């Protein structure tokens, strides 16, 4: 049986995919799911799409838009979540910054990769704080959360933007201080599919995404305690933190989404200087 190769971050948002796969739900559509964890985030996923290593990516909206606008051979076909991502603004607990208002343009951001959310959300944060937009020298590439921890503790960088729930263990351990919050101005995750896969395997992609959407909405409908228990088991989060995350997250399901969401996000990224030029929504989105 042929597989579709799907990539996503190894985080709680993607638990419905794993629950569905464990029950054989994708196999029953006639297409197996080959899930690949992408620990370095959206930049890694978009590169993997371009290099034919992934067929489908569950990636951050902003990074996906930027990659496609710059020529990545894929299109957004679904929203995955409808809620924004709650980015924590993190610094080293023993460092000089204990409030986001102390951040200046001289401070450096630890990022997983250029083009990932940790990179692009620095522009959103700088805009909100009234700071100049970051330059390439403002960033230190660290790969993963573990790399960010090492970088901040060593003083190689001062700020790390990442999902506040995933970094909770590091805050509780006394490694990071969460100095502020920066929600995304758009739904956080989209699903992008490589163009050749859309052209050649649209029916299979549609069936697999329908299963993922069904499981996501089923998961969303669980009692908070049951969902939090599952998240705690799979991702080692404190049950209270898992319950808080669950209450703040909503999934899109399988319905057709409003293209204006993507168009508005692209316009904001252009305004922030993340995109070099305007991009038509038809270049970003495909019907499936």
C-alpha atoms as a PDB file:
ATOM      1  CA  UNK A   1       0.000   0.000   0.000  1.00  0.00           C
ATOM      2  CA  UNK A   2       1.346   3.404  -0.971  1.00  0.00           C
ATOM      3  CA  UNK A   3       2.008   5.991   1.744  1.00  0.00           C
ATOM      4  CA  UNK A   4       1.742   9.747   2.019  1.00  0.00           C
ATOM      5  CA  UNK A   5       4.636  11.286   3.918  1.00  0.00           C
ATOM      6  CA  UNK A   6       3.394  13.900   6.386  1.00  0.00           C
ATOM      7  CA  UNK A   7       5.539  16.165   8.555  1.00  0.00           C
ATOM      8  CA  UNK A   8       4.750  18.168  11.659  1.00  0.00           C
ATOM      9  CA  UNK A   9       6.276  19.337  14.911  1.00  0.00           C
ATOM     10  CA  UNK A  10       6.402  16.712  17.696  1.00  0.00           C
ATOM     11  CA  UNK A  11       3.984  18.735  19.794  1.00  0.00           C
ATOM     12  CA  UNK A  12       0.516  18.397  21.276  1.00  0.00           C
ATOM     13  CA  UNK A  13      -1.217  20.077  18.318  1.00  0.00           C
ATOM     14  CA  UNK A  14      -0.530  17.012  16.195  1.00  0.00           C
ATOM     15  CA  UNK A  15      -1.706  14.400  18.678  1.00  0.00           C
ATOM     16  CA  UNK A  16      -4.895  13.717  16.621  1.00  0.00           C
ATOM     17  CA  UNK A  17      -2.736  12.525  13.710  1.00  0.00           C
ATOM     18  CA  UNK A  18      -0.971  10.015  15.951  1.00  0.00           C
ATOM     19  CA  UNK A  19      -4.181   8.808  17.574  1.00  0.00           C
ATOM     20  CA  UNK A  20      -5.716   8.236  14.129  1.00  0.00           C
ATOM     21  CA  UNK A  21      -2.633   6.444  12.853  1.00  0.00           C
ATOM     22  CA  UNK A  22      -2.486   4.169  15.896  1.00  0.00           C
ATOM     23  CA  UNK A  23      -6.020   2.938  15.183  1.00  0.00           C
ATOM     24  CA  UNK A  24      -5.372   2.240  11.491  1.00  0.00           C
ATOM     25  CA  UNK A  25      -7.777   4.979  10.394  1.00  0.00           C
ATOM     26  CA  UNK A  26      -5.533   6.168   7.561  1.00  0.00           C
ATOM     27  CA  UNK A  27      -4.805   2.610   6.402  1.00  0.00           C
ATOM     28  CA  UNK A  28      -8.527   2.027   5.966  1.00  0.00           C
ATOM     29  CA  UNK A  29      -8.683   4.821   3.362  1.00  0.00           C
ATOM     30  CA  UNK A  30      -6.320   2.791   1.191  1.00  0.00           C
ATOM     31  CA  UNK A  31      -3.338   5.039   1.903  1.00  0.00           C
ATOM     32  CA  UNK A  32      -0.906   4.608   4.772  1.00  0.00           C
ATOM     33  CA  UNK A  33       0.435   7.585   6.686  1.00  0.00           C
ATOM     34  CA  UNK A  34       4.196   7.914   7.095  1.00  0.00           C
ATOM     35  CA  UNK A  35       4.570  10.571   9.807  1.00  0.00           C
ATOM     36  CA  UNK A  36       7.920  12.365  10.124  1.00  0.00           C
ATOM     37  CA  UNK A  37       8.605  14.550  13.167  1.00  0.00           C
ATOM     38  CA  UNK A  38      10.099  17.923  12.243  1.00  0.00           C
ATOM     39  CA  UNK A  39      11.878  19.075  15.389  1.00  0.00           C
ATOM     40  CA  UNK A  40      13.236  22.262  13.784  1.00  0.00           C
ATOM     41  CA  UNK A  41       9.774  23.501  12.863  1.00  0.00           C
ATOM     42  CA  UNK A  42       8.270  25.116   9.805  1.00  0.00           C
ATOM     43  CA  UNK A  43      11.528  26.075   8.099  1.00  0.00           C
ATOM     44  CA  UNK A  44      12.590  22.435   8.158  1.00  0.00           C
ATOM     45  CA  UNK A  45       9.199  21.322   6.827  1.00  0.00           C
ATOM     46  CA  UNK A  46       9.127  23.747   3.936  1.00  0.00           C
ATOM     47  CA  UNK A  47      12.652  22.714   2.925  1.00  0.00           C
ATOM     48  CA  UNK A  48      11.559  19.064   3.097  1.00  0.00           C
ATOM     49  CA  UNK A  49       8.585  19.805   0.816  1.00  0.00           C
ATOM     50  CA  UNK A  50      10.882  21.518  -1.686  1.00  0.00           C
ATOM     51  CA  UNK A  51      13.273  18.557  -1.620  1.00  0.00           C
ATOM     52  CA  UNK A  52      10.460  15.966  -2.105  1.00  0.00           C
ATOM     53  CA  UNK A  53      11.052  14.527   1.368  1.00  0.00           C
ATOM     54  CA  UNK A  54       7.503  15.367   2.500  1.00  0.00           C
ATOM     55  CA  UNK A  55       4.220  15.221   0.629  1.00  0.00           C
ATOM     56  CA  UNK A  56       2.211  17.167   3.228  1.00  0.00           C
ATOM     57  CA  UNK A  57       3.256  19.562   5.990  1.00  0.00           C
ATOM     58  CA  UNK A  58       1.297  20.700   9.044  1.00  0.00           C
ATOM     59  CA  UNK A  59       3.113  23.989   9.389  1.00  0.00           C
ATOM     60  CA  UNK A  60       2.812  27.472  10.826  1.00  0.00           C
ATOM     61  CA  UNK A  61       0.747  29.833   8.708  1.00  0.00           C
ATOM     62  CA  UNK A  62       3.342  32.618   8.514  1.00  0.00           C
ATOM     63  CA  UNK A  63       6.288  30.402   7.593  1.00  0.00           C
ATOM     64  CA  UNK A  64       4.234  28.551   5.004  1.00  0.00           C
ATOM     65  CA  UNK A  65       3.119  31.789   3.349  1.00  0.00           C
ATOM     66  CA  UNK A  66       6.680  33.123   3.244  1.00  0.00           C
ATOM     67  CA  UNK A  67       8.087  29.898   1.772  1.00  0.00           C
ATOM     68  CA  UNK A  68       5.429  29.629  -0.951  1.00  0.00           C
ATOM     69  CA  UNK A  69       5.762  33.337  -1.775  1.00  0.00           C
ATOM     70  CA  UNK A  70       9.479  32.709  -2.323  1.00  0.00           C
ATOM     71  CA  UNK A  71       8.888  29.783  -4.664  1.00  0.00           C
ATOM     72  CA  UNK A  72       8.259  26.703  -2.520  1.00  0.00           C
ATOM     73  CA  UNK A  73       6.394  24.248  -4.816  1.00  0.00           C
ATOM     74  CA  UNK A  74       3.366  23.734  -2.579  1.00  0.00           C
ATOM     75  CA  UNK A  75      -0.027  25.229  -1.748  1.00  0.00           C
ATOM     76  CA  UNK A  76      -2.115  25.683   1.383  1.00  0.00           C
ATOM     77  CA  UNK A  77      -5.213  23.474   1.144  1.00  0.00           C
ATOM     78  CA  UNK A  78      -6.640  23.598   4.686  1.00  0.00           C
ATOM     79  CA  UNK A  79      -6.449  25.418   7.954  1.00  0.00           C
ATOM     80  CA  UNK A  80      -5.440  22.940  10.655  1.00  0.00           C
ATOM     81  CA  UNK A  81      -6.229  25.064  13.704  1.00  0.00           C
ATOM     82  CA  UNK A  82      -8.455  28.118  13.925  1.00  0.00           C
ATOM     83  CA  UNK A  83      -6.943  29.452  17.163  1.00  0.00           C
ATOM     84  CA  UNK A  84      -3.785  31.573  17.345  1.00  0.00           C
ATOM     85  CA  UNK A  85      -0.561  30.189  18.728  1.00  0.00           C
ATOM     86  CA  UNK A  86       0.373  31.546  22.145  1.00  0.00           C
ATOM     87  CA  UNK A  87       4.053  32.391  21.720  1.00  0.00           C
ATOM     88  CA  UNK A  88       5.937  32.876  24.954  1.00  0.00           C
ATOM     89  CA  UNK A  89       8.678  35.518  24.993  1.00  0.00           C
ATOM     90  CA  UNK A  90      11.462  33.713  26.853  1.00  0.00           C
ATOM     91  CA  UNK A  91      14.777  34.843  28.300  1.00  0.00           C
ATOM     92  CA  UNK A  92      17.395  33.134  30.438  1.00  0.00           C
ATOM     93  CA  UNK A  93      16.173  33.090  34.025  1.00  0.00           C
ATOM     94  CA  UNK A  94      19.529  34.416  35.220  1.00  0.00           C
ATOM     95  CA  UNK A  95      19.838  36.907  32.351  1.00  0.00           C
ATOM     96  CA  UNK A  96      19.440  40.690  32.303  1.00  0.00           C
ATOM     97  CA  UNK A  97      15.868  40.744  30.901  1.00  0.00           C
ATOM     98  CA  UNK A  98      12.935  40.012  33.180  1.00  0.00           C
ATOM     99  CA  UNK A  99      10.212  41.942  31.313  1.00  0.00           C
ATOM    100  CA  UNK A 100       9.592  42.247  27.580  1.00  0.00           C
ATOM    101  CA  UNK A 101       9.653  46.050  27.835  1.00  0.00           C
ATOM    102  CA  UNK A 102      13.417  45.733  28.467  1.00  0.00           C
ATOM    103  CA  UNK A 103      14.000  44.167  25.045  1.00  0.00           C
ATOM    104  CA  UNK A 104      15.980  46.388  22.674  1.00  0.00           C
ATOM    105  CA  UNK A 105      17.140  46.107  19.083  1.00  0.00           C
ATOM    106  CA  UNK A 106      20.568  45.048  20.371  1.00  0.00           C
ATOM    107  CA  UNK A 107      19.220  41.778  21.771  1.00  0.00           C
ATOM    108  CA  UNK A 108      19.485  38.599  19.720  1.00  0.00           C
ATOM    109  CA  UNK A 109      16.760  36.032  19.041  1.00  0.00           C
ATOM    110  CA  UNK A 110      17.391  32.296  19.188  1.00  0.00           C
ATOM    111  CA  UNK A 111      15.520  30.729  16.248  1.00  0.00           C
ATOM    112  CA  UNK A 112      15.083  27.174  15.031  1.00  0.00           C
ATOM    113  CA  UNK A 113      15.701  28.137  11.385  1.00  0.00           C
ATOM    114  CA  UNK A 114      15.286  31.138   9.149  1.00  0.00           C
ATOM    115  CA  UNK A 115      11.703  31.041   7.864  1.00  0.00           C
ATOM    116  CA  UNK A 116      10.377  29.259  10.952  1.00  0.00           C
ATOM    117  CA  UNK A 117       7.844  30.786  13.302  1.00  0.00           C
ATOM    118  CA  UNK A 118      10.463  31.575  15.936  1.00  0.00           C
ATOM    119  CA  UNK A 119      12.121  33.750  13.270  1.00  0.00           C
ATOM    120  CA  UNK A 120       9.046  35.406  11.764  1.00  0.00           C
ATOM    121  CA  UNK A 121       7.275  36.130  15.040  1.00  0.00           C
ATOM    122  CA  UNK A 122      10.278  38.245  16.078  1.00  0.00           C
ATOM    123  CA  UNK A 123       9.080  40.753  13.476  1.00  0.00           C
ATOM    124  CA  UNK A 124       5.577  40.748  14.965  1.00  0.00           C
ATOM    125  CA  UNK A 125       6.991  41.222  18.469  1.00  0.00           C
ATOM    126  CA  UNK A 126       9.322  44.036  17.380  1.00  0.00           C
ATOM    127  CA  UNK A 127       6.430  45.817  15.688  1.00  0.00           C
ATOM    128  CA  UNK A 128       4.287  45.581  18.842  1.00  0.00           C
ATOM    129  CA  UNK A 129       7.114  46.829  21.038  1.00  0.00           C
ATOM    130  CA  UNK A 130       7.849  49.718  18.693  1.00  0.00           C
ATOM    131  CA  UNK A 131      11.355  48.480  17.876  1.00  0.00           C
ATOM    132  CA  UNK A 132      13.134  48.527  14.508  1.00  0.00           C
ATOM    133  CA  UNK A 133      12.616  45.393  12.473  1.00  0.00           C
ATOM    134  CA  UNK A 134      15.276  42.732  13.167  1.00  0.00           C
ATOM    135  CA  UNK A 135      18.134  42.200  10.720  1.00  0.00           C
ATOM    136  CA  UNK A 136      19.902  38.955   9.870  1.00  0.00           C
ATOM    137  CA  UNK A 137      22.449  39.737  12.583  1.00  0.00           C
ATOM    138  CA  UNK A 138      19.612  39.762  15.138  1.00  0.00           C
ATOM    139  CA  UNK A 139      19.229  35.974  14.899  1.00  0.00           C
ATOM    140  CA  UNK A 140      21.124  32.949  16.170  1.00  0.00           C
ATOM    141  CA  UNK A 141      20.093  29.621  14.600  1.00  0.00           C
ATOM    142  CA  UNK A 142      19.787  26.960  17.324  1.00  0.00           C
ATOM    143  CA  UNK A 143      17.690  24.195  15.724  1.00  0.00           C
ATOM    144  CA  UNK A 144      15.517  22.975  18.585  1.00  0.00           C
ATOM    145  CA  UNK A 145      14.199  23.933  22.017  1.00  0.00           C
ATOM    146  CA  UNK A 146      17.235  22.217  23.497  1.00  0.00           C
ATOM    147  CA  UNK A 147      19.482  24.351  21.306  1.00  0.00           C
ATOM    148  CA  UNK A 148      17.640  27.476  22.432  1.00  0.00           C
ATOM    149  CA  UNK A 149      18.147  26.530  26.071  1.00  0.00           C
ATOM    150  CA  UNK A 150      21.885  26.139  25.526  1.00  0.00           C
ATOM    151  CA  UNK A 151      22.097  29.418  23.590  1.00  0.00           C
ATOM    152  CA  UNK A 152      20.205  31.500  26.144  1.00  0.00           C
ATOM    153  CA  UNK A 153      22.025  30.014  29.135  1.00  0.00           C
ATOM    154  CA  UNK A 154      25.394  30.616  27.444  1.00  0.00           C
ATOM    155  CA  UNK A 155      24.462  34.207  26.596  1.00  0.00           C
ATOM    156  CA  UNK A 156      24.823  33.654  22.846  1.00  0.00           C
ATOM    157  CA  UNK A 157      21.274  34.975  22.434  1.00  0.00           C
ATOM    158  CA  UNK A 158      18.830  36.680  24.765  1.00  0.00           C
ATOM    159  CA  UNK A 159      15.268  35.981  23.501  1.00  0.00           C
ATOM    160  CA  UNK A 160      13.445  32.841  22.373  1.00  0.00           C
ATOM    161  CA  UNK A 161       9.906  32.813  20.982  1.00  0.00           C
ATOM    162  CA  UNK A 162       8.152  29.437  21.201  1.00  0.00           C
ATOM    163  CA  UNK A 163       4.797  27.953  22.137  1.00  0.00           C
ATOM    164  CA  UNK A 164       4.433  28.784  25.802  1.00  0.00           C
ATOM    165  CA  UNK A 165       2.968  25.408  26.697  1.00  0.00           C
ATOM    166  CA  UNK A 166       5.863  23.444  25.195  1.00  0.00           C
ATOM    167  CA  UNK A 167       8.373  25.592  27.089  1.00  0.00           C
ATOM    168  CA  UNK A 168       6.550  25.302  30.423  1.00  0.00           C
ATOM    169  CA  UNK A 169       8.908  22.564  31.715  1.00  0.00           C
ATOM    170  CA  UNK A 170      11.906  24.855  31.116  1.00  0.00           C
ATOM    171  CA  UNK A 171      10.185  27.753  32.869  1.00  0.00           C
ATOM    172  CA  UNK A 172       9.256  25.520  35.805  1.00  0.00           C
ATOM    173  CA  UNK A 173      12.827  24.159  35.954  1.00  0.00           C
ATOM    174  CA  UNK A 174      14.192  27.686  36.320  1.00  0.00           C
ATOM    175  CA  UNK A 175      16.037  27.784  32.981  1.00  0.00           C
ATOM    176  CA  UNK A 176      13.725  30.250  31.228  1.00  0.00           C
ATOM    177  CA  UNK A 177      11.757  33.275  32.369  1.00  0.00           C
ATOM    178  CA  UNK A 178       8.602  34.006  30.389  1.00  0.00           C
ATOM    179  CA  UNK A 179       8.749  37.778  30.094  1.00  0.00           C
ATOM    180  CA  UNK A 180       5.698  38.280  27.890  1.00  0.00           C
ATOM    181  CA  UNK A 181       3.246  36.787  25.415  1.00  0.00           C
ATOM    182  CA  UNK A 182       2.858  37.263  21.671  1.00  0.00           C
ATOM    183  CA  UNK A 183      -0.162  35.577  20.037  1.00  0.00           C
ATOM    184  CA  UNK A 184      -0.174  35.137  16.279  1.00  0.00           C
ATOM    185  CA  UNK A 185      -2.468  37.580  14.435  1.00  0.00           C
ATOM    186  CA  UNK A 186      -3.883  34.635  12.430  1.00  0.00           C
ATOM    187  CA  UNK A 187      -4.843  30.953  12.877  1.00  0.00           C
ATOM    188  CA  UNK A 188      -1.622  29.232  13.784  1.00  0.00           C
ATOM    189  CA  UNK A 189      -1.365  26.071  11.654  1.00  0.00           C
ATOM    190  CA  UNK A 190      -2.173  25.318   8.022  1.00  0.00           C
ATOM    191  CA  UNK A 191      -1.798  22.195   5.903  1.00  0.00           C
ATOM    192  CA  UNK A 192       0.362  22.538   2.796  1.00  0.00           C
ATOM    193  CA  UNK A 193       0.695  19.952   0.036  1.00  0.00           C
ATOM    194  CA  UNK A 194       3.393  19.699  -2.610  1.00  0.00           C
ATOM    195  CA  UNK A 195       2.098  20.755  -6.030  1.00  0.00           C
ATOM    196  CA  UNK A 196       2.960  17.513  -7.824  1.00  0.00           C
ATOM    197  CA  UNK A 197       1.229  15.505  -5.088  1.00  0.00           C
ATOM    198  CA  UNK A 198      -1.875  17.673  -5.496  1.00  0.00           C
ATOM    199  CA  UNK A 199      -1.825  17.057  -9.229  1.00  0.00           C
ATOM    200  CA  UNK A 200      -1.263  13.296  -9.065  1.00  0.00           C
ATOM    201  CA  UNK A 201      -2.800  12.109  -5.764  1.00  0.00           C
ATOM    202  CA  UNK A 202      -5.577  14.565  -4.909  1.00  0.00           C
ATOM    203  CA  UNK A 203      -8.114  11.858  -3.976  1.00  0.00           C
ATOM    204  CA  UNK A 204      -5.679  10.191  -1.561  1.00  0.00           C
ATOM    205  CA  UNK A 205      -4.745  13.521   0.015  1.00  0.00           C
ATOM    206  CA  UNK A 206      -8.407  14.445   0.395  1.00  0.00           C
ATOM    207  CA  UNK A 207      -9.183  11.139   2.126  1.00  0.00           C
ATOM    208  CA  UNK A 208      -6.213  11.386   4.513  1.00  0.00           C
ATOM    209  CA  UNK A 209      -7.012  14.987   5.445  1.00  0.00           C
ATOM    210  CA  UNK A 210     -10.641  14.061   6.073  1.00  0.00           C
ATOM    211  CA  UNK A 211      -9.527  11.410   8.572  1.00  0.00           C
ATOM    212  CA  UNK A 212      -7.157  13.845  10.299  1.00  0.00           C
ATOM    213  CA  UNK A 213      -9.893  16.468  10.504  1.00  0.00           C
ATOM    214  CA  UNK A 214     -12.391  13.997  11.961  1.00  0.00           C
ATOM    215  CA  UNK A 215      -9.941  12.924  14.638  1.00  0.00           C
ATOM    216  CA  UNK A 216      -9.038  16.525  15.419  1.00  0.00           C
ATOM    217  CA  UNK A 217     -12.680  17.480  15.968  1.00  0.00           C
ATOM    218  CA  UNK A 218     -13.264  14.288  17.976  1.00  0.00           C
ATOM    219  CA  UNK A 219     -10.291  15.145  20.157  1.00  0.00           C
ATOM    220  CA  UNK A 220     -11.540  18.712  20.539  1.00  0.00           C
ATOM    221  CA  UNK A 221     -14.890  17.379  21.818  1.00  0.00           C
ATOM    222  CA  UNK A 222     -13.320  15.282  24.597  1.00  0.00           C
ATOM    223  CA  UNK A 223     -13.824  16.250  28.243  1.00  0.00           C
ATOM    224  CA  UNK A 224     -10.962  18.473  29.369  1.00  0.00           C
ATOM    225  CA  UNK A 225      -9.633  15.938  31.875  1.00  0.00           C
ATOM    226  CA  UNK A 226      -9.501  13.152  29.285  1.00  0.00           C
ATOM    227  CA  UNK A 227      -7.796  15.315  26.657  1.00  0.00           C
ATOM    228  CA  UNK A 228      -5.322  16.719  29.196  1.00  0.00           C
ATOM    229  CA  UNK A 229      -4.458  13.206  30.332  1.00  0.00           C
ATOM    230  CA  UNK A 230      -3.693  12.154  26.749  1.00  0.00           C
ATOM    231  CA  UNK A 231      -1.528  15.222  26.146  1.00  0.00           C
ATOM    232  CA  UNK A 232       0.325  14.684  29.432  1.00  0.00           C
ATOM    233  CA  UNK A 233       0.990  11.047  28.556  1.00  0.00           C
ATOM    234  CA  UNK A 234       2.286  11.732  25.050  1.00  0.00           C
ATOM    235  CA  UNK A 235       4.091  15.038  25.588  1.00  0.00           C
ATOM    236  CA  UNK A 236       5.010  15.009  29.290  1.00  0.00           C
ATOM    237  CA  UNK A 237       3.213  18.231  30.133  1.00  0.00           C
ATOM    238  CA  UNK A 238       1.823  18.925  33.577  1.00  0.00           C
ATOM    239  CA  UNK A 239      -1.920  18.043  33.435  1.00  0.00           C
ATOM    240  CA  UNK A 240      -2.886  21.567  34.524  1.00  0.00           C
ATOM    241  CA  UNK A 241      -0.804  23.098  31.728  1.00  0.00           C
ATOM    242  CA  UNK A 242      -2.210  20.556  29.250  1.00  0.00           C
ATOM    243  CA  UNK A 243      -5.761  21.454  30.267  1.00  0.00           C
ATOM    244  CA  UNK A 244      -5.027  25.165  29.812  1.00  0.00           C
ATOM    245  CA  UNK A 245      -3.595  24.525  26.344  1.00  0.00           C
ATOM    246  CA  UNK A 246      -6.570  22.359  25.379  1.00  0.00           C
ATOM    247  CA  UNK A 247      -9.004  25.080  26.425  1.00  0.00           C
ATOM    248  CA  UNK A 248      -7.207  27.643  24.252  1.00  0.00           C
ATOM    249  CA  UNK A 249      -7.003  25.501  21.100  1.00  0.00           C
ATOM    250  CA  UNK A 250      -9.542  24.850  18.357  1.00  0.00           C
ATOM    251  CA  UNK A 251      -9.204  22.789  15.180  1.00  0.00           C
ATOM    252  CA  UNK A 252     -10.615  23.690  11.797  1.00  0.00           C
ATOM    253  CA  UNK A 253     -12.094  20.388  10.711  1.00  0.00           C
ATOM    254  CA  UNK A 254     -12.448  19.602   7.026  1.00  0.00           C
ATOM    255  CA  UNK A 255     -14.511  22.546   5.831  1.00  0.00           C
ATOM    256  CA  UNK A 256     -13.398  24.936   3.106  1.00  0.00           C
ATOM    257  CA  UNK A 257     -11.713  27.920   4.697  1.00  0.00           C
ATOM    258  CA  UNK A 258     -11.986  31.619   3.986  1.00  0.00           C
ATOM    259  CA  UNK A 259      -9.144  32.554   1.647  1.00  0.00           C
ATOM    260  CA  UNK A 260      -9.228  36.061   3.093  1.00  0.00           C
ATOM    261  CA  UNK A 261      -7.510  34.650   6.207  1.00  0.00           C
ATOM    262  CA  UNK A 262      -4.431  33.776   4.158  1.00  0.00           C
ATOM    263  CA  UNK A 263      -4.631  36.973   2.115  1.00  0.00           C
ATOM    264  CA  UNK A 264      -4.800  39.122   5.258  1.00  0.00           C
ATOM    265  CA  UNK A 265      -1.897  37.248   6.856  1.00  0.00           C
ATOM    266  CA  UNK A 266       0.212  37.767   3.720  1.00  0.00           C
ATOM    267  CA  UNK A 267      -0.629  41.478   3.754  1.00  0.00           C
ATOM    268  CA  UNK A 268       0.522  41.738   7.383  1.00  0.00           C
ATOM    269  CA  UNK A 269       3.768  39.902   6.596  1.00  0.00           C
ATOM    270  CA  UNK A 270       4.354  42.307   3.697  1.00  0.00           C
ATOM    271  CA  UNK A 271       3.764  45.293   5.980  1.00  0.00           C
ATOM    272  CA  UNK A 272       6.255  43.900   8.510  1.00  0.00           C
ATOM    273  CA  UNK A 273       8.894  43.443   5.831  1.00  0.00           C
ATOM    274  CA  UNK A 274       8.836  39.634   6.050  1.00  0.00           C
ATOM    275  CA  UNK A 275       7.681  39.412   2.420  1.00  0.00           C
ATOM    276  CA  UNK A 276       9.652  41.372  -0.163  1.00  0.00           C
ATOM    277  CA  UNK A 277       6.679  41.955  -2.468  1.00  0.00           C
ATOM    278  CA  UNK A 278       2.911  41.361  -2.604  1.00  0.00           C
ATOM    279  CA  UNK A 279       1.756  37.847  -3.390  1.00  0.00           C
ATOM    280  CA  UNK A 280      -1.592  36.866  -4.919  1.00  0.00           C
ATOM    281  CA  UNK A 281      -3.704  34.536  -2.809  1.00  0.00           C
ATOM    282  CA  UNK A 282      -4.024  32.164  -5.809  1.00  0.00           C
ATOM    283  CA  UNK A 283      -0.269  31.627  -5.568  1.00  0.00           C
ATOM    284  CA  UNK A 284      -0.646  30.562  -1.935  1.00  0.00           C
ATOM    285  CA  UNK A 285      -3.869  28.549  -1.841  1.00  0.00           C
ATOM    286  CA  UNK A 286      -5.292  25.640  -3.859  1.00  0.00           C
ATOM    287  CA  UNK A 287      -8.760  24.117  -3.792  1.00  0.00           C
ATOM    288  CA  UNK A 288      -8.906  20.454  -2.811  1.00  0.00           C
END
